[in-house]
N, C-alpha and C. Protein backbone atom coordinates (compact mmCIF):
# COMPACT_ATOMS: atom_id res chain seq x y z
N UNK A 1 5.33 -7.86 8.09
CA UNK A 1 5.95 -6.78 9.17
C UNK A 1 5.36 -5.46 8.54
N UNK A 2 4.82 -4.73 9.18
CA UNK A 2 4.18 -3.41 8.80
C UNK A 2 4.91 -2.14 9.47
N UNK A 3 5.34 -1.32 9.02
CA UNK A 3 6.13 -0.29 9.55
C UNK A 3 5.32 1.25 9.44
N UNK A 4 5.04 1.82 10.37
CA UNK A 4 4.55 3.11 10.24
C UNK A 4 5.17 4.27 10.71
N UNK A 5 5.57 5.15 9.89
CA UNK A 5 6.45 6.50 10.19
C UNK A 5 5.26 7.64 10.32
N UNK A 6 5.02 8.09 11.55
CA UNK A 6 4.39 9.29 11.72
C UNK A 6 5.36 10.74 11.63
N UNK A 7 5.03 11.51 10.73
CA UNK A 7 5.88 12.79 10.41
C UNK A 7 5.26 13.91 10.67
N UNK A 8 5.62 14.80 11.51
CA UNK A 8 5.06 16.30 11.56
C UNK A 8 5.67 16.92 10.49
N UNK A 9 4.80 17.74 9.89
CA UNK A 9 5.38 18.76 8.80
C UNK A 9 6.47 19.52 9.36
N UNK A 10 7.33 19.93 8.32
CA UNK A 10 8.52 20.71 8.63
C UNK A 10 8.29 22.03 9.33
N UNK A 11 9.25 22.86 9.65
CA UNK A 11 9.05 24.38 10.10
C UNK A 11 8.26 25.21 9.00
N UNK A 12 7.25 25.77 9.44
CA UNK A 12 6.28 26.82 8.47
C UNK A 12 6.76 28.17 8.59
N UNK A 13 6.22 28.95 7.69
CA UNK A 13 6.54 30.27 7.51
C UNK A 13 5.36 31.26 7.96
N UNK A 14 5.75 32.00 9.00
CA UNK A 14 4.87 33.06 9.74
C UNK A 14 4.94 34.33 9.04
N UNK A 15 5.64 34.40 7.82
CA UNK A 15 5.70 35.98 7.39
C UNK A 15 4.76 36.63 7.21
N UNK A 16 3.70 35.95 6.41
CA UNK A 16 2.65 36.53 6.37
C UNK A 16 1.36 36.41 7.35
N UNK A 17 1.15 37.25 8.27
CA UNK A 17 0.21 36.96 9.41
C UNK A 17 -1.13 37.08 8.89
N UNK A 18 -1.41 37.50 7.65
CA UNK A 18 -2.82 37.40 7.09
C UNK A 18 -3.20 36.11 6.27
N UNK A 19 -2.15 35.27 6.08
CA UNK A 19 -2.29 34.17 5.30
C UNK A 19 -3.01 33.04 6.12
N UNK A 20 -4.05 32.27 5.68
CA UNK A 20 -4.69 31.34 6.30
C UNK A 20 -3.67 30.17 6.71
N UNK A 21 -4.32 29.62 7.90
CA UNK A 21 -3.12 28.30 8.32
C UNK A 21 -2.97 27.27 7.32
N UNK A 22 -4.12 26.73 6.61
CA UNK A 22 -3.90 26.04 5.76
C UNK A 22 -3.19 26.17 4.62
N UNK A 23 -2.86 27.20 4.30
CA UNK A 23 -2.00 28.00 3.04
C UNK A 23 -0.62 28.28 3.54
N UNK A 24 -0.22 28.00 4.71
CA UNK A 24 1.29 28.56 5.23
C UNK A 24 2.15 27.59 4.45
N UNK A 25 3.30 28.14 3.74
CA UNK A 25 4.32 27.32 3.33
C UNK A 25 5.19 26.80 4.33
N UNK A 26 6.38 26.03 3.92
CA UNK A 26 7.66 25.69 4.78
C UNK A 26 8.40 26.99 4.72
N UNK A 27 9.17 27.32 5.79
CA UNK A 27 9.96 28.38 5.80
C UNK A 27 11.61 27.63 5.25
N UNK A 28 12.55 28.75 5.43
CA UNK A 28 13.77 27.95 4.60
C UNK A 28 14.27 26.92 5.72
N UNK A 29 14.31 26.91 7.01
CA UNK A 29 14.67 25.89 7.72
C UNK A 29 13.98 24.74 7.70
N UNK A 30 12.71 24.56 7.26
CA UNK A 30 11.96 23.40 6.95
C UNK A 30 12.10 22.95 5.67
N UNK A 31 12.47 23.83 4.71
CA UNK A 31 12.90 23.17 3.40
C UNK A 31 14.33 22.40 3.58
N UNK A 32 15.10 22.93 4.53
CA UNK A 32 16.29 22.23 4.83
C UNK A 32 16.21 20.93 5.69
N UNK A 33 15.49 21.01 6.64
CA UNK A 33 15.13 19.85 7.56
C UNK A 33 14.48 18.62 6.97
N UNK A 34 13.60 18.86 6.08
CA UNK A 34 12.99 17.71 5.51
C UNK A 34 13.82 16.75 4.71
N UNK A 35 14.82 17.51 3.93
CA UNK A 35 15.71 16.43 3.15
C UNK A 35 16.71 16.09 4.14
N UNK A 36 17.04 16.63 5.24
CA UNK A 36 17.93 16.24 6.25
C UNK A 36 17.39 14.90 6.89
N UNK A 37 16.00 14.92 7.28
CA UNK A 37 15.70 13.79 7.75
C UNK A 37 15.44 12.66 6.85
N UNK A 38 15.05 12.95 5.44
CA UNK A 38 15.20 11.77 4.42
C UNK A 38 16.47 11.20 4.42
N UNK A 39 17.57 11.95 4.60
CA UNK A 39 18.97 11.52 4.39
C UNK A 39 19.17 10.43 5.69
N UNK A 40 18.80 10.96 7.02
CA UNK A 40 18.74 9.87 8.04
C UNK A 40 17.98 8.63 7.79
N UNK A 41 16.98 8.70 7.23
CA UNK A 41 16.09 7.50 7.05
C UNK A 41 16.56 6.64 6.02
N UNK A 42 17.23 7.27 5.00
CA UNK A 42 17.95 6.41 4.01
C UNK A 42 19.29 5.85 4.61
N UNK A 43 19.92 6.54 5.35
CA UNK A 43 21.34 5.89 5.94
C UNK A 43 20.67 4.92 6.99
N UNK A 44 19.83 4.82 7.23
CA UNK A 44 19.22 3.82 8.28
C UNK A 44 18.74 2.61 7.39
N UNK A 45 18.64 2.57 6.13
CA UNK A 45 17.92 1.51 5.31
C UNK A 45 16.57 1.54 5.12
N UNK A 46 15.94 2.44 5.49
CA UNK A 46 14.61 2.76 5.37
C UNK A 46 14.01 2.88 4.10
N UNK A 47 13.20 2.16 3.46
CA UNK A 47 12.41 2.52 2.35
C UNK A 47 10.95 2.69 2.54
N UNK A 48 10.39 3.71 2.15
CA UNK A 48 8.91 4.04 2.38
C UNK A 48 8.29 3.62 1.16
N UNK A 49 7.05 3.00 1.11
CA UNK A 49 6.53 2.51 -0.03
C UNK A 49 5.23 3.35 -0.27
N UNK A 50 4.60 4.16 0.60
CA UNK A 50 3.62 4.93 0.54
C UNK A 50 3.62 6.09 1.36
N UNK A 51 3.05 7.35 0.90
CA UNK A 51 3.30 8.52 1.69
C UNK A 51 1.84 9.36 1.50
N UNK A 52 1.32 9.40 3.06
CA UNK A 52 0.06 9.75 3.02
C UNK A 52 0.14 11.32 3.78
N UNK A 53 -0.71 11.94 3.26
CA UNK A 53 -0.24 13.57 3.82
C UNK A 53 -1.67 14.22 3.83
N UNK A 54 -1.74 15.37 4.90
CA UNK A 54 -2.68 16.16 4.89
C UNK A 54 -2.27 17.07 3.87
N UNK A 55 -3.65 17.82 3.15
CA UNK A 55 -3.29 18.45 1.97
C UNK A 55 -2.81 20.13 2.31
N UNK A 56 -2.71 20.33 3.80
CA UNK A 56 -2.29 21.51 3.82
C UNK A 56 -0.85 22.06 3.49
N UNK A 57 -0.51 23.17 3.04
CA UNK A 57 0.49 23.39 2.18
C UNK A 57 1.86 22.92 2.93
N UNK A 58 2.03 23.19 4.23
CA UNK A 58 3.33 22.72 4.91
C UNK A 58 3.36 21.34 4.84
N UNK A 59 2.35 20.73 5.24
CA UNK A 59 2.48 19.04 5.04
C UNK A 59 2.63 18.82 3.88
N UNK A 60 2.11 19.04 2.79
CA UNK A 60 2.10 18.87 1.52
C UNK A 60 3.46 18.93 0.98
N UNK A 61 4.12 20.11 1.44
CA UNK A 61 5.42 20.25 0.79
C UNK A 61 6.46 19.37 1.49
N UNK A 62 6.30 19.13 2.64
CA UNK A 62 7.04 18.30 3.44
C UNK A 62 7.00 16.66 2.67
N UNK A 63 5.87 16.55 2.65
CA UNK A 63 5.65 14.91 2.02
C UNK A 63 6.18 14.89 0.61
N UNK A 64 6.09 16.00 -0.17
CA UNK A 64 6.85 16.00 -1.44
C UNK A 64 8.23 16.09 -1.30
N UNK A 65 8.87 16.58 -0.33
CA UNK A 65 10.39 16.58 -0.19
C UNK A 65 10.82 15.29 0.02
N UNK A 66 9.96 14.40 0.70
CA UNK A 66 10.25 12.98 1.12
C UNK A 66 10.08 12.14 -0.03
N UNK A 67 9.04 12.37 -0.79
CA UNK A 67 8.89 11.60 -1.91
C UNK A 67 10.10 11.77 -2.85
N UNK A 68 10.30 12.87 -3.10
CA UNK A 68 11.50 13.25 -4.09
C UNK A 68 12.74 12.79 -3.46
N UNK A 69 13.14 12.92 -2.20
CA UNK A 69 14.41 12.35 -1.45
C UNK A 69 14.39 10.86 -1.57
N UNK A 70 13.14 10.03 -1.46
CA UNK A 70 13.21 8.67 -1.75
C UNK A 70 13.17 8.03 -3.10
N UNK A 71 13.14 9.06 -4.03
CA UNK A 71 13.16 8.91 -5.52
C UNK A 71 11.91 8.04 -5.84
N UNK A 72 10.95 8.51 -5.45
CA UNK A 72 9.47 7.68 -5.71
C UNK A 72 8.78 8.96 -6.43
N UNK A 73 7.75 8.34 -7.11
CA UNK A 73 7.00 9.15 -8.02
C UNK A 73 5.84 9.55 -7.38
N UNK A 74 5.21 10.50 -7.90
CA UNK A 74 3.89 11.33 -7.20
C UNK A 74 2.86 10.37 -6.97
N UNK A 75 2.88 9.35 -7.63
CA UNK A 75 1.63 8.23 -7.70
C UNK A 75 1.79 7.47 -6.09
N UNK A 76 3.01 7.59 -5.56
CA UNK A 76 3.37 7.07 -4.15
C UNK A 76 2.55 7.94 -3.09
N UNK A 77 2.14 9.11 -3.44
CA UNK A 77 1.69 10.26 -2.51
C UNK A 77 0.32 10.38 -2.71
N UNK A 78 -0.41 10.14 -1.70
CA UNK A 78 -1.94 10.43 -1.33
C UNK A 78 -2.15 11.52 -0.42
N UNK A 79 -3.14 12.22 -0.79
CA UNK A 79 -3.61 13.48 0.29
C UNK A 79 -5.22 12.91 0.95
N UNK A 80 -5.16 13.22 2.03
CA UNK A 80 -6.36 12.82 2.66
C UNK A 80 -6.70 14.09 3.68
N UNK A 81 -8.00 14.73 3.27
CA UNK A 81 -8.21 15.97 3.72
C UNK A 81 -8.44 15.99 5.30
N UNK A 82 -8.98 15.01 5.86
CA UNK A 82 -9.12 14.59 7.09
C UNK A 82 -7.97 14.73 8.05
N UNK A 83 -6.78 14.51 7.45
CA UNK A 83 -5.46 14.59 8.38
C UNK A 83 -5.13 16.07 8.59
N UNK A 84 -5.99 17.11 8.21
CA UNK A 84 -5.47 18.37 8.40
C UNK A 84 -6.15 18.64 10.03
N UNK A 85 -5.04 18.86 10.81
CA UNK A 85 -5.48 19.07 12.33
C UNK A 85 -6.64 17.99 12.88
N UNK A 86 -6.04 16.56 12.57
CA UNK A 86 -6.81 15.35 12.68
C UNK A 86 -6.76 15.01 14.29
N UNK A 87 -7.79 14.35 14.67
CA UNK A 87 -7.70 13.92 15.99
C UNK A 87 -7.11 12.27 16.01
N UNK A 88 -6.77 11.74 16.97
CA UNK A 88 -6.14 10.42 16.96
C UNK A 88 -7.37 9.45 16.16
N UNK A 89 -8.68 9.62 16.47
CA UNK A 89 -9.36 8.83 15.70
C UNK A 89 -9.40 8.70 14.03
N UNK A 90 -9.06 9.76 13.58
CA UNK A 90 -8.95 10.01 12.20
C UNK A 90 -7.68 9.15 11.66
N UNK A 91 -6.67 9.28 12.56
CA UNK A 91 -5.41 8.76 12.29
C UNK A 91 -5.59 7.21 12.20
N UNK A 92 -6.28 6.62 13.22
CA UNK A 92 -6.65 5.26 13.40
C UNK A 92 -7.51 4.71 12.16
N UNK A 93 -8.49 5.47 11.62
CA UNK A 93 -9.13 5.21 10.51
C UNK A 93 -8.32 5.21 9.00
N UNK A 94 -7.28 6.22 9.00
CA UNK A 94 -6.40 6.21 7.83
C UNK A 94 -5.49 4.80 8.04
N UNK A 95 -5.05 4.57 8.93
CA UNK A 95 -4.10 3.45 9.15
C UNK A 95 -5.06 1.97 8.97
N UNK A 96 -6.15 2.01 9.54
CA UNK A 96 -7.07 0.72 9.10
C UNK A 96 -7.18 0.63 7.77
N UNK A 97 -7.04 1.80 6.97
CA UNK A 97 -7.69 1.58 5.47
C UNK A 97 -6.44 1.46 4.69
N UNK A 98 -4.91 1.44 5.25
CA UNK A 98 -4.06 1.54 4.29
C UNK A 98 -3.89 0.24 3.41
N UNK A 99 -3.31 0.22 2.41
CA UNK A 99 -3.18 -1.01 1.46
C UNK A 99 -2.14 -1.76 2.01
N UNK A 100 -2.54 -3.13 2.10
CA UNK A 100 -1.76 -4.29 2.84
C UNK A 100 -0.37 -4.34 1.82
N UNK A 101 -0.51 -4.20 0.65
CA UNK A 101 0.80 -4.16 -0.21
C UNK A 101 1.76 -3.29 0.16
N UNK A 102 1.63 -2.23 0.70
CA UNK A 102 2.46 -1.40 1.05
C UNK A 102 2.96 -1.73 2.66
N UNK A 103 4.26 -2.13 2.85
CA UNK A 103 4.70 -2.55 4.07
C UNK A 103 5.10 -1.34 5.16
N UNK A 104 5.68 -0.37 4.41
CA UNK A 104 6.26 0.81 5.01
C UNK A 104 5.60 2.10 4.78
N UNK A 105 4.87 2.84 5.52
CA UNK A 105 3.84 3.68 5.24
C UNK A 105 4.40 5.13 6.32
N UNK A 106 4.48 6.34 5.51
CA UNK A 106 4.73 7.59 6.18
C UNK A 106 3.27 8.36 5.97
N UNK A 107 2.91 9.06 7.22
CA UNK A 107 2.00 9.71 7.45
C UNK A 107 2.38 11.11 8.09
N UNK A 108 1.95 12.20 7.14
CA UNK A 108 2.27 13.42 7.30
C UNK A 108 0.95 14.31 7.85
N UNK A 109 1.28 15.19 8.98
CA UNK A 109 0.11 15.83 9.55
C UNK A 109 0.45 16.80 10.69
N UNK A 110 -0.33 17.10 11.42
CA UNK A 110 0.01 18.39 12.30
C UNK A 110 -0.35 18.15 13.82
N UNK A 111 0.26 18.95 14.49
CA UNK A 111 0.10 19.08 16.09
C UNK A 111 -1.27 19.73 16.30
N UNK A 112 -2.09 19.56 17.23
CA UNK A 112 -1.63 18.52 18.44
C UNK A 112 -2.01 17.00 18.17
N UNK A 113 -2.84 17.03 17.07
CA UNK A 113 -3.46 15.65 16.88
C UNK A 113 -2.20 14.65 16.59
N UNK A 114 -1.20 14.92 16.13
CA UNK A 114 -0.26 14.03 15.66
C UNK A 114 0.63 13.45 17.13
N UNK A 115 0.75 14.32 17.93
CA UNK A 115 1.45 13.97 19.43
C UNK A 115 0.35 13.01 19.87
N UNK A 116 -0.92 13.36 19.94
CA UNK A 116 -1.87 12.56 20.58
C UNK A 116 -1.91 11.17 20.05
N UNK A 117 -1.92 11.24 18.66
CA UNK A 117 -1.98 9.83 18.23
C UNK A 117 -0.71 8.93 18.58
N UNK A 118 0.74 9.44 18.33
CA UNK A 118 1.68 8.69 18.51
C UNK A 118 1.73 8.11 20.02
N UNK A 119 1.09 8.62 20.90
CA UNK A 119 1.09 8.29 22.25
C UNK A 119 -0.08 7.43 22.49
N UNK A 120 -0.80 7.02 21.54
CA UNK A 120 -1.77 5.78 21.49
C UNK A 120 -1.12 4.58 20.88
N UNK A 121 -0.05 4.73 20.13
CA UNK A 121 0.44 3.62 19.22
C UNK A 121 1.34 2.54 20.12
N UNK A 122 1.99 3.11 20.93
CA UNK A 122 3.00 1.99 21.70
C UNK A 122 2.90 2.58 23.32
N UNK A 123 3.93 1.82 23.83
CA UNK A 123 4.17 2.36 25.56
C UNK A 123 5.00 3.66 25.37
N UNK A 124 5.87 3.75 24.24
CA UNK A 124 6.61 5.45 24.40
C UNK A 124 5.62 6.44 24.40
N UNK A 125 5.87 7.48 25.08
CA UNK A 125 5.22 8.60 25.30
C UNK A 125 6.15 9.82 25.20
N UNK A 126 5.52 10.83 24.40
CA UNK A 126 6.14 12.00 23.91
C UNK A 126 5.19 13.39 24.40
N UNK A 127 5.91 14.41 24.86
CA UNK A 127 5.35 15.43 25.28
C UNK A 127 4.89 16.36 23.95
N UNK A 128 5.67 16.15 23.05
CA UNK A 128 5.46 16.92 21.83
C UNK A 128 6.28 16.31 20.64
N UNK A 129 5.60 16.44 19.55
CA UNK A 129 6.23 16.03 18.11
C UNK A 129 7.08 17.36 17.72
N UNK A 130 8.19 17.55 17.70
CA UNK A 130 8.54 18.79 17.05
C UNK A 130 8.47 18.83 15.47
N UNK A 131 8.71 19.97 14.88
CA UNK A 131 8.50 19.96 13.45
C UNK A 131 9.48 18.94 12.62
N UNK A 132 9.05 18.27 11.78
CA UNK A 132 9.73 17.24 10.99
C UNK A 132 10.23 16.25 11.80
N UNK A 133 9.91 15.99 12.88
CA UNK A 133 9.99 14.75 13.62
C UNK A 133 9.19 13.52 13.13
N UNK A 134 10.11 12.22 13.25
CA UNK A 134 9.41 11.05 12.96
C UNK A 134 9.51 10.08 14.00
N UNK A 135 8.29 9.52 14.24
CA UNK A 135 8.03 8.43 15.25
C UNK A 135 7.75 7.35 14.55
N UNK A 136 8.49 6.26 14.76
CA UNK A 136 8.18 5.04 14.07
C UNK A 136 7.91 3.85 14.89
N UNK A 137 6.94 2.99 14.47
CA UNK A 137 6.47 1.85 15.11
C UNK A 137 6.47 0.71 14.09
N UNK A 138 6.67 -0.55 14.67
CA UNK A 138 6.64 -1.76 13.68
C UNK A 138 5.58 -2.65 14.55
N UNK A 139 5.08 -3.56 13.50
CA UNK A 139 4.12 -4.60 14.13
C UNK A 139 4.16 -5.86 13.16
N UNK A 140 4.28 -6.87 13.96
CA UNK A 140 4.40 -8.20 13.41
C UNK A 140 2.71 -8.49 12.68
N UNK A 141 2.31 -8.03 11.52
CA UNK A 141 1.08 -8.33 10.98
C UNK A 141 1.00 -8.14 9.60
N UNK A 142 0.25 -8.75 8.96
CA UNK A 142 0.05 -8.78 7.53
C UNK A 142 -1.08 -7.79 7.11
N UNK A 143 -1.68 -7.37 8.00
CA UNK A 143 -2.75 -6.48 7.50
C UNK A 143 -2.96 -5.16 8.42
N UNK A 144 -3.02 -4.14 7.56
CA UNK A 144 -3.01 -2.52 8.24
C UNK A 144 -4.04 -2.43 9.43
N UNK A 145 -5.17 -3.13 9.12
CA UNK A 145 -6.47 -3.08 9.85
C UNK A 145 -6.30 -3.80 11.20
N UNK A 146 -5.19 -4.74 11.06
CA UNK A 146 -4.89 -5.35 12.62
C UNK A 146 -3.69 -4.49 13.11
N UNK A 147 -3.26 -3.77 12.61
CA UNK A 147 -1.93 -2.96 13.24
C UNK A 147 -2.07 -2.59 14.81
N UNK A 148 -2.97 -1.84 14.89
CA UNK A 148 -3.17 -1.40 16.39
C UNK A 148 -3.51 -2.48 17.31
N UNK A 149 -4.35 -3.32 17.01
CA UNK A 149 -4.67 -4.43 17.92
C UNK A 149 -3.63 -5.46 18.09
N UNK A 150 -2.70 -5.40 17.14
CA UNK A 150 -1.53 -6.36 17.20
C UNK A 150 -0.36 -5.99 17.85
N UNK A 151 -0.45 -4.85 18.62
CA UNK A 151 0.52 -4.38 19.60
C UNK A 151 1.91 -3.77 19.12
N UNK A 152 1.62 -2.71 18.15
CA UNK A 152 2.96 -2.26 17.55
C UNK A 152 4.05 -1.74 18.75
N UNK A 153 5.20 -1.90 18.24
CA UNK A 153 6.32 -1.75 18.90
C UNK A 153 6.99 -0.48 18.55
N UNK A 154 7.34 0.47 19.55
CA UNK A 154 8.21 1.69 19.46
C UNK A 154 9.49 1.12 18.67
N UNK A 155 9.84 1.83 17.65
CA UNK A 155 11.15 1.53 16.69
C UNK A 155 12.00 2.64 17.07
N UNK A 156 11.75 3.82 16.75
CA UNK A 156 12.60 4.94 16.83
C UNK A 156 11.80 6.23 17.00
N UNK A 157 12.42 7.44 17.63
CA UNK A 157 11.81 8.70 17.36
C UNK A 157 13.07 9.55 17.16
N UNK A 158 13.13 10.24 15.84
CA UNK A 158 14.25 11.31 15.51
C UNK A 158 13.53 12.57 15.18
N UNK A 159 14.27 13.80 15.09
CA UNK A 159 13.77 15.07 14.64
C UNK A 159 15.13 15.80 14.72
N UNK A 160 15.03 16.99 13.71
CA UNK A 160 16.17 17.45 13.01
C UNK A 160 17.25 18.02 14.23
N UNK A 161 16.81 18.58 15.37
CA UNK A 161 17.75 19.08 16.53
C UNK A 161 18.16 17.95 17.45
N UNK A 162 17.70 16.74 17.26
CA UNK A 162 18.12 15.39 18.11
C UNK A 162 19.59 15.39 18.12
N UNK A 163 20.43 15.50 17.10
CA UNK A 163 21.77 15.71 16.78
C UNK A 163 22.55 16.94 17.57
N UNK A 164 21.80 17.83 18.03
CA UNK A 164 22.38 18.96 18.65
C UNK A 164 22.77 20.28 17.80
N UNK A 165 22.54 19.76 16.57
CA UNK A 165 22.60 21.14 15.52
C UNK A 165 21.54 21.92 15.42
N UNK A 166 21.42 23.09 15.08
CA UNK A 166 20.34 23.78 14.91
C UNK A 166 19.89 23.93 13.17
């Protein structure tokens, strides 16, 4: 069984309009939302074996907060430059290339590509992946290269404001 968690980066700061998009950090809300989502996943009994992220600062910071929250080491986090504003085909290549030893993997990236990709995974459809949203799909397969063809099933969708709090 393979489990894929697709996670949009947490809320980023727009304080410096001159800053490049790639270098934008998390804002205070983003720094609160990521650990809150980690707590929800831990409460649900989810253990992530590998963390894959865009190297853009806001995605990297989000992934690092997840790694820390899950009590993992930096070696469990890998950055893939192509995930910065990736199209669905890039996500597909990343999933196909995942290590079969990792049964649960989280991929951190950006809109609009992340929303487009999750809409190709299962029959579930989203209009938008909010910041720090988690879209989860499971598939009864031994190999990541077979994940998409083996018809992954929607597992859950959660995001920071889903509980009605701001």
